[in-house]
C-alpha cells in the first residue's frame, strides 16, 4: 500500500510568534536570542533578517554586524510551547500518527485520511487550519515517505507546499543537489563532491556495494534514499537518546571556584530536566570550551544511574577533575546524560523470568 506522508514545518517559528504578538516587529528583521552586548547566540531569525545573512546559531554580535537594524528579542519558550500544543491539536484532528521533531515541525502519516486521494488539498487544509488558529504560516512536503517529505517541505518555503508523487520520486531525485539531501551534512557533501557526486543522479549511478565501500554502513542509507526509498514509519513516540544542558558565559571563568559554582548550576538544571521527564541514565558527559574555542569532552559510565542531584554532582565533579580544567579560562560548560531509561524500563528489568 502506498503511504502518504506529510512533513509540516512552521516558517521562522520563534521569530514569527514574536512578530505576531508585537505588531511593531512585523516586516522588520528580528532575531530571537541573546544580547549582542554579551555572548548571545541567535536562536531564530525572521525571513527579513535572513535576507541579510542572519542565521540561527550565529553569534549575536556577528548578526548585528550583518544587519545593524536587527531587532533582538528575548526568547519566550513557554509561549512557543503553548503555540506548539495548539498546532499538535490541529494535527490530531487529521491523524493520530504524528511524529514531532521539535516544537515547530512534525511528520504526519495521513494514508488513511478520507482525503488521502487529494494530497495537495489535504496538505492545504492542514496549513489553513494552522493559519486560522495561530495566525502563523507553515510549509508542507507531501510524499510517499519521510525522506522525500522532508526534502519537499523546503522547496516552496515560506508558506508553500510541494508534492512528490510516487511515480515522480526517482526523476525528482535525479536533479536534486546533494546539499538538499536530508541526512547528508556538510562534511559528507564535501567528500561526495570530491568523488564527483554533485546530484542525486550521480548518487543513483553508484551501486550499493560501491557506496558502502566509500561510506561504510551509511552507504546503504545513501543508496536507498537515492532510489527514493525510505520505509521508516512515522513514530508517535520518539525515543529521547540524551538530555543535556550547557551554558556560555558572559565573561570567561578563570578561577576554580567560579568554574565549580557554574557547573553546579548546570547540574541543577540537568537534574530538573531529568526529573521532569522521569528519565535517568548511566553515562554522564562533561563538555568544556576554552577561551580559544577549543572544546573537550569527557564522559564516564556508571554501574548505577545517579538518581538524585547529589549523585549527579559527584559525577560531574569527578569529570571536572579528570579534565584538568584549571589550566585555562573556560567559556562554556555543558553536562549531559545518555543511555536513558524511563520508570517503565526499570519495571521491565525487575519482572521475574518465566
C-alpha atoms as a PDB file:
ATOM      1  CA  UNK A   1       0.000   0.000   0.000  1.00  0.00           C
ATOM      2  CA  UNK A   2       1.319   3.427  -0.961  1.00  0.00           C
ATOM      3  CA  UNK A   3       1.792   5.713   2.013  1.00  0.00           C
ATOM      4  CA  UNK A   4       1.067   9.421   2.159  1.00  0.00           C
ATOM      5  CA  UNK A   5       3.442  11.280   4.477  1.00  0.00           C
ATOM      6  CA  UNK A   6       3.454  14.990   5.238  1.00  0.00           C
ATOM      7  CA  UNK A   7       6.285  16.989   6.758  1.00  0.00           C
ATOM      8  CA  UNK A   8       4.905  20.200   8.256  1.00  0.00           C
ATOM      9  CA  UNK A   9       7.429  22.897   9.144  1.00  0.00           C
ATOM     10  CA  UNK A  10       6.465  26.223  10.705  1.00  0.00           C
ATOM     11  CA  UNK A  11       8.005  29.251   8.998  1.00  0.00           C
ATOM     12  CA  UNK A  12      10.638  31.013  11.161  1.00  0.00           C
ATOM     13  CA  UNK A  13       8.575  29.855  14.125  1.00  0.00           C
ATOM     14  CA  UNK A  14      10.030  31.698  17.138  1.00  0.00           C
ATOM     15  CA  UNK A  15      10.515  34.948  15.228  1.00  0.00           C
ATOM     16  CA  UNK A  16       7.061  34.706  13.624  1.00  0.00           C
ATOM     17  CA  UNK A  17       5.411  34.307  17.042  1.00  0.00           C
ATOM     18  CA  UNK A  18       7.170  37.488  18.186  1.00  0.00           C
ATOM     19  CA  UNK A  19       6.064  39.373  15.066  1.00  0.00           C
ATOM     20  CA  UNK A  20       2.509  38.130  15.570  1.00  0.00           C
ATOM     21  CA  UNK A  21       2.375  39.215  19.211  1.00  0.00           C
ATOM     22  CA  UNK A  22       4.201  42.536  18.766  1.00  0.00           C
ATOM     23  CA  UNK A  23       2.931  44.387  15.667  1.00  0.00           C
ATOM     24  CA  UNK A  24       5.809  46.881  15.660  1.00  0.00           C
ATOM     25  CA  UNK A  25       8.132  43.988  14.710  1.00  0.00           C
ATOM     26  CA  UNK A  26       6.170  42.983  11.618  1.00  0.00           C
ATOM     27  CA  UNK A  27       8.125  43.434   8.415  1.00  0.00           C
ATOM     28  CA  UNK A  28      11.285  44.120  10.434  1.00  0.00           C
ATOM     29  CA  UNK A  29      14.409  41.944  10.733  1.00  0.00           C
ATOM     30  CA  UNK A  30      14.043  40.087  14.045  1.00  0.00           C
ATOM     31  CA  UNK A  31      16.407  37.784  15.925  1.00  0.00           C
ATOM     32  CA  UNK A  32      15.288  35.750  18.914  1.00  0.00           C
ATOM     33  CA  UNK A  33      18.113  35.024  21.331  1.00  0.00           C
ATOM     34  CA  UNK A  34      20.840  36.533  23.459  1.00  0.00           C
ATOM     35  CA  UNK A  35      22.060  40.101  23.508  1.00  0.00           C
ATOM     36  CA  UNK A  36      24.886  41.201  21.164  1.00  0.00           C
ATOM     37  CA  UNK A  37      26.449  43.037  24.120  1.00  0.00           C
ATOM     38  CA  UNK A  38      27.305  39.692  25.694  1.00  0.00           C
ATOM     39  CA  UNK A  39      27.976  36.337  24.098  1.00  0.00           C
ATOM     40  CA  UNK A  40      24.429  35.752  22.986  1.00  0.00           C
ATOM     41  CA  UNK A  41      23.534  33.452  20.129  1.00  0.00           C
ATOM     42  CA  UNK A  42      20.699  33.788  17.607  1.00  0.00           C
ATOM     43  CA  UNK A  43      18.111  31.075  18.306  1.00  0.00           C
ATOM     44  CA  UNK A  44      15.890  32.047  15.374  1.00  0.00           C
ATOM     45  CA  UNK A  45      15.779  34.705  12.668  1.00  0.00           C
ATOM     46  CA  UNK A  46      12.849  36.163  10.747  1.00  0.00           C
ATOM     47  CA  UNK A  47      12.902  35.991   6.963  1.00  0.00           C
ATOM     48  CA  UNK A  48      13.624  39.724   6.878  1.00  0.00           C
ATOM     49  CA  UNK A  49      16.761  39.049   8.950  1.00  0.00           C
ATOM     50  CA  UNK A  50      17.742  36.032   6.850  1.00  0.00           C
ATOM     51  CA  UNK A  51      17.856  38.298   3.802  1.00  0.00           C
ATOM     52  CA  UNK A  52      20.902  39.931   5.435  1.00  0.00           C
ATOM     53  CA  UNK A  53      22.580  36.581   6.087  1.00  0.00           C
ATOM     54  CA  UNK A  54      21.489  36.244   9.723  1.00  0.00           C
ATOM     55  CA  UNK A  55      21.098  32.591  10.690  1.00  0.00           C
ATOM     56  CA  UNK A  56      20.291  30.563  13.791  1.00  0.00           C
ATOM     57  CA  UNK A  57      23.278  29.551  15.963  1.00  0.00           C
ATOM     58  CA  UNK A  58      25.145  32.664  14.781  1.00  0.00           C
ATOM     59  CA  UNK A  59      26.794  34.830  17.470  1.00  0.00           C
ATOM     60  CA  UNK A  60      24.548  37.816  18.142  1.00  0.00           C
ATOM     61  CA  UNK A  61      27.412  40.279  17.630  1.00  0.00           C
ATOM     62  CA  UNK A  62      28.059  38.883  14.143  1.00  0.00           C
ATOM     63  CA  UNK A  63      24.343  39.066  13.318  1.00  0.00           C
ATOM     64  CA  UNK A  64      24.283  42.734  14.309  1.00  0.00           C
ATOM     65  CA  UNK A  65      27.252  43.461  12.051  1.00  0.00           C
ATOM     66  CA  UNK A  66      25.419  41.868   9.129  1.00  0.00           C
ATOM     67  CA  UNK A  67      22.182  43.698   9.920  1.00  0.00           C
ATOM     68  CA  UNK A  68      22.674  46.860  12.041  1.00  0.00           C
ATOM     69  CA  UNK A  69      18.890  47.448  12.167  1.00  0.00           C
ATOM     70  CA  UNK A  70      18.267  43.987  13.634  1.00  0.00           C
ATOM     71  CA  UNK A  71      15.707  43.830  16.465  1.00  0.00           C
ATOM     72  CA  UNK A  72      16.807  41.447  19.229  1.00  0.00           C
ATOM     73  CA  UNK A  73      14.048  39.781  21.240  1.00  0.00           C
ATOM     74  CA  UNK A  74      14.491  37.597  24.298  1.00  0.00           C
ATOM     75  CA  UNK A  75      13.052  34.124  23.818  1.00  0.00           C
ATOM     76  CA  UNK A  76       9.709  33.145  25.380  1.00  0.00           C
ATOM     77  CA  UNK A  77       9.835  29.362  25.286  1.00  0.00           C
ATOM     78  CA  UNK A  78       6.667  28.868  27.322  1.00  0.00           C
ATOM     79  CA  UNK A  79       4.741  30.861  24.712  1.00  0.00           C
ATOM     80  CA  UNK A  80       6.284  28.854  21.872  1.00  0.00           C
ATOM     81  CA  UNK A  81       5.379  25.603  23.644  1.00  0.00           C
ATOM     82  CA  UNK A  82       1.802  26.785  24.020  1.00  0.00           C
ATOM     83  CA  UNK A  83       1.526  27.527  20.308  1.00  0.00           C
ATOM     84  CA  UNK A  84       3.164  24.190  19.533  1.00  0.00           C
ATOM     85  CA  UNK A  85       0.455  22.436  21.573  1.00  0.00           C
ATOM     86  CA  UNK A  86      -2.208  24.277  19.559  1.00  0.00           C
ATOM     87  CA  UNK A  87      -0.606  23.052  16.345  1.00  0.00           C
ATOM     88  CA  UNK A  88      -0.412  19.498  17.662  1.00  0.00           C
ATOM     89  CA  UNK A  89      -4.151  19.611  18.437  1.00  0.00           C
ATOM     90  CA  UNK A  90      -4.817  20.617  14.829  1.00  0.00           C
ATOM     91  CA  UNK A  91      -2.731  17.732  13.510  1.00  0.00           C
ATOM     92  CA  UNK A  92      -4.649  15.311  15.727  1.00  0.00           C
ATOM     93  CA  UNK A  93      -7.884  16.343  14.028  1.00  0.00           C
ATOM     94  CA  UNK A  94      -6.457  14.878  10.806  1.00  0.00           C
ATOM     95  CA  UNK A  95      -4.463  11.858  12.023  1.00  0.00           C
ATOM     96  CA  UNK A  96      -3.255  10.107  15.146  1.00  0.00           C
ATOM     97  CA  UNK A  97       0.051   9.193  13.507  1.00  0.00           C
ATOM     98  CA  UNK A  98       2.186  12.216  14.380  1.00  0.00           C
ATOM     99  CA  UNK A  99       5.944  12.258  14.937  1.00  0.00           C
ATOM    100  CA  UNK A 100       7.071  15.586  16.429  1.00  0.00           C
ATOM    101  CA  UNK A 101      10.648  16.506  15.530  1.00  0.00           C
ATOM    102  CA  UNK A 102      10.714  19.732  17.544  1.00  0.00           C
ATOM    103  CA  UNK A 103       8.321  22.464  18.635  1.00  0.00           C
ATOM    104  CA  UNK A 104       7.901  23.630  15.048  1.00  0.00           C
ATOM    105  CA  UNK A 105       7.941  20.560  12.806  1.00  0.00           C
ATOM    106  CA  UNK A 106       6.455  17.101  12.579  1.00  0.00           C
ATOM    107  CA  UNK A 107       5.801  14.157  10.294  1.00  0.00           C
ATOM    108  CA  UNK A 108       2.184  13.118   9.738  1.00  0.00           C
ATOM    109  CA  UNK A 109       1.051   9.819   8.237  1.00  0.00           C
ATOM    110  CA  UNK A 110      -2.279  10.632   6.548  1.00  0.00           C
ATOM    111  CA  UNK A 111      -2.506   7.467   4.449  1.00  0.00           C
ATOM    112  CA  UNK A 112      -5.886   6.548   5.953  1.00  0.00           C
ATOM    113  CA  UNK A 113      -7.420  10.021   5.828  1.00  0.00           C
ATOM    114  CA  UNK A 114     -10.574  10.273   3.650  1.00  0.00           C
ATOM    115  CA  UNK A 115      -8.863  12.962   1.545  1.00  0.00           C
ATOM    116  CA  UNK A 116      -5.639  10.987   1.024  1.00  0.00           C
ATOM    117  CA  UNK A 117      -6.599  10.709  -2.648  1.00  0.00           C
ATOM    118  CA  UNK A 118      -6.268  14.504  -2.867  1.00  0.00           C
ATOM    119  CA  UNK A 119      -2.835  15.027  -1.265  1.00  0.00           C
ATOM    120  CA  UNK A 120      -2.377  18.687  -2.124  1.00  0.00           C
ATOM    121  CA  UNK A 121      -5.884  19.591  -0.976  1.00  0.00           C
ATOM    122  CA  UNK A 122      -5.302  17.735   2.295  1.00  0.00           C
ATOM    123  CA  UNK A 123      -1.990  19.499   2.966  1.00  0.00           C
ATOM    124  CA  UNK A 124      -3.565  22.858   2.150  1.00  0.00           C
ATOM    125  CA  UNK A 125      -6.427  22.107   4.551  1.00  0.00           C
ATOM    126  CA  UNK A 126      -3.995  21.414   7.397  1.00  0.00           C
ATOM    127  CA  UNK A 127      -1.950  24.521   6.645  1.00  0.00           C
ATOM    128  CA  UNK A 128      -5.093  26.655   6.521  1.00  0.00           C
ATOM    129  CA  UNK A 129      -6.261  25.260   9.861  1.00  0.00           C
ATOM    130  CA  UNK A 130      -2.892  26.166  11.397  1.00  0.00           C
ATOM    131  CA  UNK A 131      -3.077  29.693   9.962  1.00  0.00           C
ATOM    132  CA  UNK A 132      -6.681  30.221  11.119  1.00  0.00           C
ATOM    133  CA  UNK A 133      -5.910  29.093  14.665  1.00  0.00           C
ATOM    134  CA  UNK A 134      -2.456  30.573  15.245  1.00  0.00           C
ATOM    135  CA  UNK A 135      -2.167  33.379  12.653  1.00  0.00           C
ATOM    136  CA  UNK A 136       1.128  31.756  11.630  1.00  0.00           C
ATOM    137  CA  UNK A 137       2.183  30.174   8.356  1.00  0.00           C
ATOM    138  CA  UNK A 138       3.765  26.807   7.723  1.00  0.00           C
ATOM    139  CA  UNK A 139       5.152  24.883   4.768  1.00  0.00           C
ATOM    140  CA  UNK A 140       4.452  21.287   3.817  1.00  0.00           C
ATOM    141  CA  UNK A 141       6.176  18.486   1.969  1.00  0.00           C
ATOM    142  CA  UNK A 142       3.919  15.759   0.587  1.00  0.00           C
ATOM    143  CA  UNK A 143       5.441  12.451  -0.471  1.00  0.00           C
ATOM    144  CA  UNK A 144       5.283   8.648  -0.148  1.00  0.00           C
ATOM    145  CA  UNK A 145       7.946   8.576   2.605  1.00  0.00           C
ATOM    146  CA  UNK A 146       9.641  10.638   5.306  1.00  0.00           C
ATOM    147  CA  UNK A 147      12.856  11.392   3.419  1.00  0.00           C
ATOM    148  CA  UNK A 148      11.062  12.832   0.394  1.00  0.00           C
ATOM    149  CA  UNK A 149       8.505  14.700   2.514  1.00  0.00           C
ATOM    150  CA  UNK A 150      11.283  16.389   4.497  1.00  0.00           C
ATOM    151  CA  UNK A 151      13.077  17.464   1.323  1.00  0.00           C
ATOM    152  CA  UNK A 152       9.819  18.623  -0.275  1.00  0.00           C
ATOM    153  CA  UNK A 153       8.822  20.880   2.627  1.00  0.00           C
ATOM    154  CA  UNK A 154      11.826  23.085   1.908  1.00  0.00           C
ATOM    155  CA  UNK A 155      11.051  23.542  -1.786  1.00  0.00           C
ATOM    156  CA  UNK A 156       8.421  26.305  -1.565  1.00  0.00           C
ATOM    157  CA  UNK A 157       9.225  27.972   1.758  1.00  0.00           C
ATOM    158  CA  UNK A 158       7.824  30.093   3.277  1.00  0.00           C
ATOM    159  CA  UNK A 159       4.065  29.486   3.287  1.00  0.00           C
ATOM    160  CA  UNK A 160       4.050  26.939   0.483  1.00  0.00           C
ATOM    161  CA  UNK A 161       3.876  23.246  -0.240  1.00  0.00           C
ATOM    162  CA  UNK A 162       5.355  20.748  -2.680  1.00  0.00           C
ATOM    163  CA  UNK A 163       4.077  17.341  -3.742  1.00  0.00           C
ATOM    164  CA  UNK A 164       6.250  14.461  -4.957  1.00  0.00           C
ATOM    165  CA  UNK A 165       4.014  11.691  -6.365  1.00  0.00           C
ATOM    166  CA  UNK A 166       5.404   8.147  -6.031  1.00  0.00           C
ATOM    167  CA  UNK A 167       5.940   7.821  -9.776  1.00  0.00           C
ATOM    168  CA  UNK A 168       7.946  11.081  -9.884  1.00  0.00           C
ATOM    169  CA  UNK A 169      10.269  10.323  -6.954  1.00  0.00           C
ATOM    170  CA  UNK A 170      13.176   8.851  -8.934  1.00  0.00           C
ATOM    171  CA  UNK A 171      13.273  11.660 -11.512  1.00  0.00           C
ATOM    172  CA  UNK A 172      12.892  14.321  -8.797  1.00  0.00           C
ATOM    173  CA  UNK A 173      15.943  12.963  -7.001  1.00  0.00           C
ATOM    174  CA  UNK A 174      17.993  12.885 -10.226  1.00  0.00           C
ATOM    175  CA  UNK A 175      18.241  16.674 -10.380  1.00  0.00           C
ATOM    176  CA  UNK A 176      18.351  17.309  -6.623  1.00  0.00           C
ATOM    177  CA  UNK A 177      21.671  18.841  -5.480  1.00  0.00           C
ATOM    178  CA  UNK A 178      23.438  16.760  -2.842  1.00  0.00           C
ATOM    179  CA  UNK A 179      23.302  19.677  -0.370  1.00  0.00           C
ATOM    180  CA  UNK A 180      19.485  19.385  -0.402  1.00  0.00           C
ATOM    181  CA  UNK A 181      19.540  15.765   0.762  1.00  0.00           C
ATOM    182  CA  UNK A 182      18.209  15.444   4.297  1.00  0.00           C
ATOM    183  CA  UNK A 183      20.769  13.296   6.129  1.00  0.00           C
ATOM    184  CA  UNK A 184      23.834  14.453   4.191  1.00  0.00           C
ATOM    185  CA  UNK A 185      25.810  17.021   6.181  1.00  0.00           C
ATOM    186  CA  UNK A 186      28.494  19.489   5.026  1.00  0.00           C
ATOM    187  CA  UNK A 187      31.464  17.150   5.540  1.00  0.00           C
ATOM    188  CA  UNK A 188      29.816  14.278   3.639  1.00  0.00           C
ATOM    189  CA  UNK A 189      28.717  16.697   0.922  1.00  0.00           C
ATOM    190  CA  UNK A 190      32.328  17.864   0.541  1.00  0.00           C
ATOM    191  CA  UNK A 191      33.593  14.309   0.243  1.00  0.00           C
ATOM    192  CA  UNK A 192      30.885  13.373  -2.250  1.00  0.00           C
ATOM    193  CA  UNK A 193      31.732  16.347  -4.446  1.00  0.00           C
ATOM    194  CA  UNK A 194      35.383  15.317  -4.389  1.00  0.00           C
ATOM    195  CA  UNK A 195      34.188  11.950  -5.734  1.00  0.00           C
ATOM    196  CA  UNK A 196      32.193  13.641  -8.496  1.00  0.00           C
ATOM    197  CA  UNK A 197      28.821  13.189  -6.799  1.00  0.00           C
ATOM    198  CA  UNK A 198      27.038  16.518  -7.272  1.00  0.00           C
ATOM    199  CA  UNK A 199      23.392  15.476  -7.639  1.00  0.00           C
ATOM    200  CA  UNK A 200      21.024  12.669  -6.816  1.00  0.00           C
ATOM    201  CA  UNK A 201      21.576  11.380 -10.343  1.00  0.00           C
ATOM    202  CA  UNK A 202      25.283  10.976  -9.625  1.00  0.00           C
ATOM    203  CA  UNK A 203      24.385   9.069  -6.466  1.00  0.00           C
ATOM    204  CA  UNK A 204      21.936   6.872  -8.382  1.00  0.00           C
ATOM    205  CA  UNK A 205      24.734   5.925 -10.781  1.00  0.00           C
ATOM    206  CA  UNK A 206      26.712   4.278  -7.953  1.00  0.00           C
ATOM    207  CA  UNK A 207      25.998   0.721  -6.866  1.00  0.00           C
ATOM    208  CA  UNK A 208      25.071  -0.069  -3.279  1.00  0.00           C
ATOM    209  CA  UNK A 209      28.296  -2.044  -2.842  1.00  0.00           C
ATOM    210  CA  UNK A 210      30.336   0.918  -4.059  1.00  0.00           C
ATOM    211  CA  UNK A 211      28.606   3.351  -1.701  1.00  0.00           C
ATOM    212  CA  UNK A 212      29.153   1.002   1.240  1.00  0.00           C
ATOM    213  CA  UNK A 213      32.830   0.747   0.312  1.00  0.00           C
ATOM    214  CA  UNK A 214      33.108   4.540   0.213  1.00  0.00           C
ATOM    215  CA  UNK A 215      30.953   5.474   3.226  1.00  0.00           C
ATOM    216  CA  UNK A 216      30.672   2.347   5.361  1.00  0.00           C
ATOM    217  CA  UNK A 217      27.286   1.244   6.688  1.00  0.00           C
ATOM    218  CA  UNK A 218      25.799   4.658   5.899  1.00  0.00           C
ATOM    219  CA  UNK A 219      26.294   3.785   2.239  1.00  0.00           C
ATOM    220  CA  UNK A 220      23.217   1.529   2.486  1.00  0.00           C
ATOM    221  CA  UNK A 221      21.167   4.558   3.556  1.00  0.00           C
ATOM    222  CA  UNK A 222      22.543   6.735   0.744  1.00  0.00           C
ATOM    223  CA  UNK A 223      21.708   4.056  -1.805  1.00  0.00           C
ATOM    224  CA  UNK A 224      18.139   3.729  -0.528  1.00  0.00           C
ATOM    225  CA  UNK A 225      17.351   7.440  -0.494  1.00  0.00           C
ATOM    226  CA  UNK A 226      18.921   7.895  -3.929  1.00  0.00           C
ATOM    227  CA  UNK A 227      16.322   5.438  -5.210  1.00  0.00           C
ATOM    228  CA  UNK A 228      13.590   7.343  -3.371  1.00  0.00           C
ATOM    229  CA  UNK A 229      13.117   4.515  -0.869  1.00  0.00           C
ATOM    230  CA  UNK A 230      12.525   5.030   2.846  1.00  0.00           C
ATOM    231  CA  UNK A 231      10.365   2.600   4.810  1.00  0.00           C
ATOM    232  CA  UNK A 232      10.809   4.251   8.213  1.00  0.00           C
ATOM    233  CA  UNK A 233       7.414   4.543   9.920  1.00  0.00           C
ATOM    234  CA  UNK A 234       6.045   7.711  11.464  1.00  0.00           C
ATOM    235  CA  UNK A 235       6.748   7.080  15.145  1.00  0.00           C
ATOM    236  CA  UNK A 236       4.254   8.570  17.550  1.00  0.00           C
ATOM    237  CA  UNK A 237       6.686   8.039  20.452  1.00  0.00           C
ATOM    238  CA  UNK A 238      10.172   9.297  19.659  1.00  0.00           C
ATOM    239  CA  UNK A 239      12.882   7.822  21.867  1.00  0.00           C
ATOM    240  CA  UNK A 240      14.955  10.514  23.577  1.00  0.00           C
ATOM    241  CA  UNK A 241      18.604   9.457  23.439  1.00  0.00           C
ATOM    242  CA  UNK A 242      20.097  12.029  25.778  1.00  0.00           C
ATOM    243  CA  UNK A 243      19.397  15.082  27.914  1.00  0.00           C
ATOM    244  CA  UNK A 244      21.970  17.849  28.206  1.00  0.00           C
ATOM    245  CA  UNK A 245      22.399  21.403  29.434  1.00  0.00           C
ATOM    246  CA  UNK A 246      25.130  23.841  28.510  1.00  0.00           C
ATOM    247  CA  UNK A 247      25.884  27.435  29.364  1.00  0.00           C
ATOM    248  CA  UNK A 248      28.031  30.013  27.560  1.00  0.00           C
ATOM    249  CA  UNK A 249      29.355  32.663  29.932  1.00  0.00           C
ATOM    250  CA  UNK A 250      29.354  36.436  29.544  1.00  0.00           C
ATOM    251  CA  UNK A 251      32.987  36.516  30.689  1.00  0.00           C
ATOM    252  CA  UNK A 252      35.442  33.625  30.793  1.00  0.00           C
ATOM    253  CA  UNK A 253      35.610  31.695  34.054  1.00  0.00           C
ATOM    254  CA  UNK A 254      39.135  31.915  35.431  1.00  0.00           C
ATOM    255  CA  UNK A 255      39.036  30.586  38.977  1.00  0.00           C
ATOM    256  CA  UNK A 256      38.399  27.063  40.237  1.00  0.00           C
ATOM    257  CA  UNK A 257      35.646  28.420  42.470  1.00  0.00           C
ATOM    258  CA  UNK A 258      33.850  30.113  39.556  1.00  0.00           C
ATOM    259  CA  UNK A 259      34.021  27.016  37.393  1.00  0.00           C
ATOM    260  CA  UNK A 260      32.715  24.718  40.119  1.00  0.00           C
ATOM    261  CA  UNK A 261      29.928  27.137  41.025  1.00  0.00           C
ATOM    262  CA  UNK A 262      28.713  27.463  37.432  1.00  0.00           C
ATOM    263  CA  UNK A 263      28.989  23.739  36.797  1.00  0.00           C
ATOM    264  CA  UNK A 264      26.810  23.130  39.835  1.00  0.00           C
ATOM    265  CA  UNK A 265      24.115  25.391  38.369  1.00  0.00           C
ATOM    266  CA  UNK A 266      24.288  23.458  35.094  1.00  0.00           C
ATOM    267  CA  UNK A 267      23.993  20.271  37.143  1.00  0.00           C
ATOM    268  CA  UNK A 268      20.896  21.586  38.944  1.00  0.00           C
ATOM    269  CA  UNK A 269      19.178  22.368  35.636  1.00  0.00           C
ATOM    270  CA  UNK A 270      20.071  18.976  34.174  1.00  0.00           C
ATOM    271  CA  UNK A 271      18.683  17.240  37.258  1.00  0.00           C
ATOM    272  CA  UNK A 272      15.468  19.263  36.925  1.00  0.00           C
ATOM    273  CA  UNK A 273      15.011  18.226  33.291  1.00  0.00           C
ATOM    274  CA  UNK A 274      15.685  14.569  34.044  1.00  0.00           C
ATOM    275  CA  UNK A 275      13.093  14.547  36.816  1.00  0.00           C
ATOM    276  CA  UNK A 276      10.568  16.430  34.697  1.00  0.00           C
ATOM    277  CA  UNK A 277      10.692  13.722  32.031  1.00  0.00           C
ATOM    278  CA  UNK A 278      11.186  10.871  34.555  1.00  0.00           C
ATOM    279  CA  UNK A 279      14.465   9.842  32.947  1.00  0.00           C
ATOM    280  CA  UNK A 280      17.818   8.612  34.213  1.00  0.00           C
ATOM    281  CA  UNK A 281      20.956   7.273  32.588  1.00  0.00           C
ATOM    282  CA  UNK A 282      24.274   5.685  33.387  1.00  0.00           C
ATOM    283  CA  UNK A 283      26.506   7.672  31.020  1.00  0.00           C
ATOM    284  CA  UNK A 284      27.398  11.196  32.138  1.00  0.00           C
ATOM    285  CA  UNK A 285      29.373  13.533  29.875  1.00  0.00           C
ATOM    286  CA  UNK A 286      31.073  16.870  30.500  1.00  0.00           C
ATOM    287  CA  UNK A 287      31.789  19.441  27.787  1.00  0.00           C
ATOM    288  CA  UNK A 288      34.278  22.274  28.266  1.00  0.00           C
ATOM    289  CA  UNK A 289      35.040  25.043  25.763  1.00  0.00           C
ATOM    290  CA  UNK A 290      38.035  27.249  26.457  1.00  0.00           C
ATOM    291  CA  UNK A 291      38.605  30.913  25.570  1.00  0.00           C
ATOM    292  CA  UNK A 292      40.241  29.933  22.257  1.00  0.00           C
ATOM    293  CA  UNK A 293      37.090  27.908  21.325  1.00  0.00           C
ATOM    294  CA  UNK A 294      38.927  24.608  21.786  1.00  0.00           C
ATOM    295  CA  UNK A 295      36.363  22.094  23.027  1.00  0.00           C
ATOM    296  CA  UNK A 296      36.999  18.958  25.084  1.00  0.00           C
ATOM    297  CA  UNK A 297      34.535  16.260  26.149  1.00  0.00           C
ATOM    298  CA  UNK A 298      34.872  13.756  28.972  1.00  0.00           C
ATOM    299  CA  UNK A 299      32.465  11.005  29.955  1.00  0.00           C
ATOM    300  CA  UNK A 300      32.102   8.054  32.255  1.00  0.00           C
ATOM    301  CA  UNK A 301      29.685   5.148  32.523  1.00  0.00           C
ATOM    302  CA  UNK A 302      28.398   4.241  35.965  1.00  0.00           C
ATOM    303  CA  UNK A 303      27.208   0.942  37.388  1.00  0.00           C
ATOM    304  CA  UNK A 304      24.028   2.604  38.644  1.00  0.00           C
ATOM    305  CA  UNK A 305      22.074   5.647  37.469  1.00  0.00           C
ATOM    306  CA  UNK A 306      22.663   8.826  39.534  1.00  0.00           C
ATOM    307  CA  UNK A 307      19.124   9.181  40.892  1.00  0.00           C
ATOM    308  CA  UNK A 308      19.468  12.483  42.725  1.00  0.00           C
ATOM    309  CA  UNK A 309      21.205  15.829  42.442  1.00  0.00           C
ATOM    310  CA  UNK A 310      23.983  14.930  44.869  1.00  0.00           C
ATOM    311  CA  UNK A 311      24.924  11.784  42.941  1.00  0.00           C
ATOM    312  CA  UNK A 312      24.906  13.688  39.650  1.00  0.00           C
ATOM    313  CA  UNK A 313      27.024  16.472  41.158  1.00  0.00           C
ATOM    314  CA  UNK A 314      29.596  13.994  42.480  1.00  0.00           C
ATOM    315  CA  UNK A 315      29.954  12.537  38.973  1.00  0.00           C
ATOM    316  CA  UNK A 316      30.219  16.000  37.429  1.00  0.00           C
ATOM    317  CA  UNK A 317      32.981  16.953  39.891  1.00  0.00           C
ATOM    318  CA  UNK A 318      34.856  13.749  39.080  1.00  0.00           C
ATOM    319  CA  UNK A 319      34.747  14.519  35.337  1.00  0.00           C
ATOM    320  CA  UNK A 320      35.830  18.090  36.024  1.00  0.00           C
ATOM    321  CA  UNK A 321      38.888  16.882  37.929  1.00  0.00           C
ATOM    322  CA  UNK A 322      39.747  14.469  35.124  1.00  0.00           C
ATOM    323  CA  UNK A 323      39.668  17.316  32.599  1.00  0.00           C
ATOM    324  CA  UNK A 324      42.446  19.328  34.317  1.00  0.00           C
ATOM    325  CA  UNK A 325      40.293  22.383  33.663  1.00  0.00           C
ATOM    326  CA  UNK A 326      42.251  24.805  35.870  1.00  0.00           C
ATOM    327  CA  UNK A 327      44.875  25.418  33.228  1.00  0.00           C
ATOM    328  CA  UNK A 328      42.858  27.800  31.018  1.00  0.00           C
ATOM    329  CA  UNK A 329      39.892  30.194  31.203  1.00  0.00           C
ATOM    330  CA  UNK A 330      36.574  28.490  30.423  1.00  0.00           C
ATOM    331  CA  UNK A 331      33.995  29.919  28.013  1.00  0.00           C
ATOM    332  CA  UNK A 332      31.331  27.170  28.089  1.00  0.00           C
ATOM    333  CA  UNK A 333      30.319  24.302  30.363  1.00  0.00           C
ATOM    334  CA  UNK A 334      27.927  21.527  29.424  1.00  0.00           C
ATOM    335  CA  UNK A 335      26.693  18.400  31.162  1.00  0.00           C
ATOM    336  CA  UNK A 336      24.640  15.569  29.695  1.00  0.00           C
ATOM    337  CA  UNK A 337      23.233  12.143  30.497  1.00  0.00           C
ATOM    338  CA  UNK A 338      22.707   9.405  27.892  1.00  0.00           C
ATOM    339  CA  UNK A 339      21.733   5.719  27.731  1.00  0.00           C
ATOM    340  CA  UNK A 340      18.447   6.887  29.178  1.00  0.00           C
ATOM    341  CA  UNK A 341      15.772   4.818  30.881  1.00  0.00           C
ATOM    342  CA  UNK A 342      12.203   5.505  31.945  1.00  0.00           C
ATOM    343  CA  UNK A 343      10.433   4.079  35.030  1.00  0.00           C
ATOM    344  CA  UNK A 344       8.786   1.529  32.717  1.00  0.00           C
ATOM    345  CA  UNK A 345      12.226   0.259  31.685  1.00  0.00           C
ATOM    346  CA  UNK A 346      13.108  -0.398  35.337  1.00  0.00           C
ATOM    347  CA  UNK A 347       9.809  -2.203  35.895  1.00  0.00           C
ATOM    348  CA  UNK A 348      10.552  -4.499  32.951  1.00  0.00           C
ATOM    349  CA  UNK A 349      14.033  -5.231  34.321  1.00  0.00           C
ATOM    350  CA  UNK A 350      12.513  -6.280  37.655  1.00  0.00           C
ATOM    351  CA  UNK A 351       9.975  -8.682  36.152  1.00  0.00           C
ATOM    352  CA  UNK A 352      10.744 -12.324  37.041  1.00  0.00           C
ATOM    353  CA  UNK A 353      11.918 -14.643  34.294  1.00  0.00           C
ATOM    354  CA  UNK A 354       9.253 -17.033  33.049  1.00  0.00           C
END
